[in-house]
């Protein structure tokens, strides 16, 4: 059985781990900091959003999902 992850919680954790603020991540992705805030408070994210976040954080998708 697949383990569900809270994507917003995972994003917050990875930002802390990589010491990257929401403003910095938003600048890297060319989006608004408000969008990062929305994602940080969301339990579920679409795969393309996770891929985009991983690109901005410089990690693999498997690192995001904890595989």
Protein backbone atom coordinates (compact mmCIF):
# COMPACT_ATOMS: atom_id res chain seq x y z
CA UNK A 1 0.00 0.00 0.00
CA UNK A 2 1.39 3.39 -1.02
CA UNK A 3 2.18 5.85 1.72
CA UNK A 4 0.52 9.25 1.30
CA UNK A 5 2.56 12.35 1.90
CA UNK A 6 1.44 15.84 2.83
CA UNK A 7 2.99 17.79 -0.05
CA UNK A 8 2.83 21.15 1.72
CA UNK A 9 4.53 19.75 4.79
CA UNK A 10 7.17 18.11 2.61
CA UNK A 11 7.78 21.38 0.75
CA UNK A 12 8.22 23.27 4.03
CA UNK A 13 10.63 20.62 5.28
CA UNK A 14 12.70 20.68 2.10
CA UNK A 15 12.84 24.47 2.10
CA UNK A 16 14.20 24.38 5.64
CA UNK A 17 16.64 21.61 4.76
CA UNK A 18 17.95 23.48 1.72
CA UNK A 19 17.72 26.87 3.43
CA UNK A 20 15.66 28.45 0.68
CA UNK A 21 12.94 30.98 1.42
CA UNK A 22 9.63 31.08 -0.39
CA UNK A 23 10.69 34.34 -2.02
CA UNK A 24 13.93 32.81 -3.32
CA UNK A 25 12.12 29.71 -4.58
CA UNK A 26 9.47 31.82 -6.29
CA UNK A 27 12.18 33.86 -8.04
CA UNK A 28 13.87 30.68 -9.26
CA UNK A 29 10.58 29.42 -10.67
CA UNK A 30 9.37 32.74 -12.08
CA UNK A 31 6.19 32.74 -9.99
CA UNK A 32 4.84 34.77 -7.09
CA UNK A 33 5.70 34.06 -3.45
CA UNK A 34 1.94 33.83 -2.84
CA UNK A 35 1.83 30.74 -5.07
CA UNK A 36 4.57 29.11 -2.98
CA UNK A 37 2.52 29.92 0.13
CA UNK A 38 -0.54 28.22 -1.41
CA UNK A 39 1.51 25.12 -2.19
CA UNK A 40 2.99 25.10 1.33
CA UNK A 41 -0.55 24.85 2.72
CA UNK A 42 -1.78 22.20 0.28
CA UNK A 43 -1.87 18.49 1.12
CA UNK A 44 -1.95 17.44 -2.53
CA UNK A 45 -0.10 18.83 -5.53
CA UNK A 46 -0.21 17.91 -9.19
CA UNK A 47 2.79 16.03 -10.52
CA UNK A 48 3.88 18.89 -12.79
CA UNK A 49 3.86 21.19 -9.75
CA UNK A 50 6.03 18.75 -7.81
CA UNK A 51 8.41 18.53 -10.78
CA UNK A 52 8.58 22.32 -10.94
CA UNK A 53 9.31 22.56 -7.21
CA UNK A 54 12.01 19.91 -7.47
CA UNK A 55 13.66 21.85 -10.27
CA UNK A 56 13.67 24.98 -8.11
CA UNK A 57 15.01 23.09 -5.10
CA UNK A 58 17.63 21.25 -7.17
CA UNK A 59 16.39 17.79 -6.14
CA UNK A 60 14.92 14.70 -7.80
CA UNK A 61 11.21 13.94 -7.64
CA UNK A 62 12.08 10.75 -5.76
CA UNK A 63 13.69 12.93 -3.08
CA UNK A 64 10.48 14.95 -2.78
CA UNK A 65 8.27 11.92 -2.35
CA UNK A 66 10.77 10.23 -0.07
CA UNK A 67 11.30 7.17 -2.28
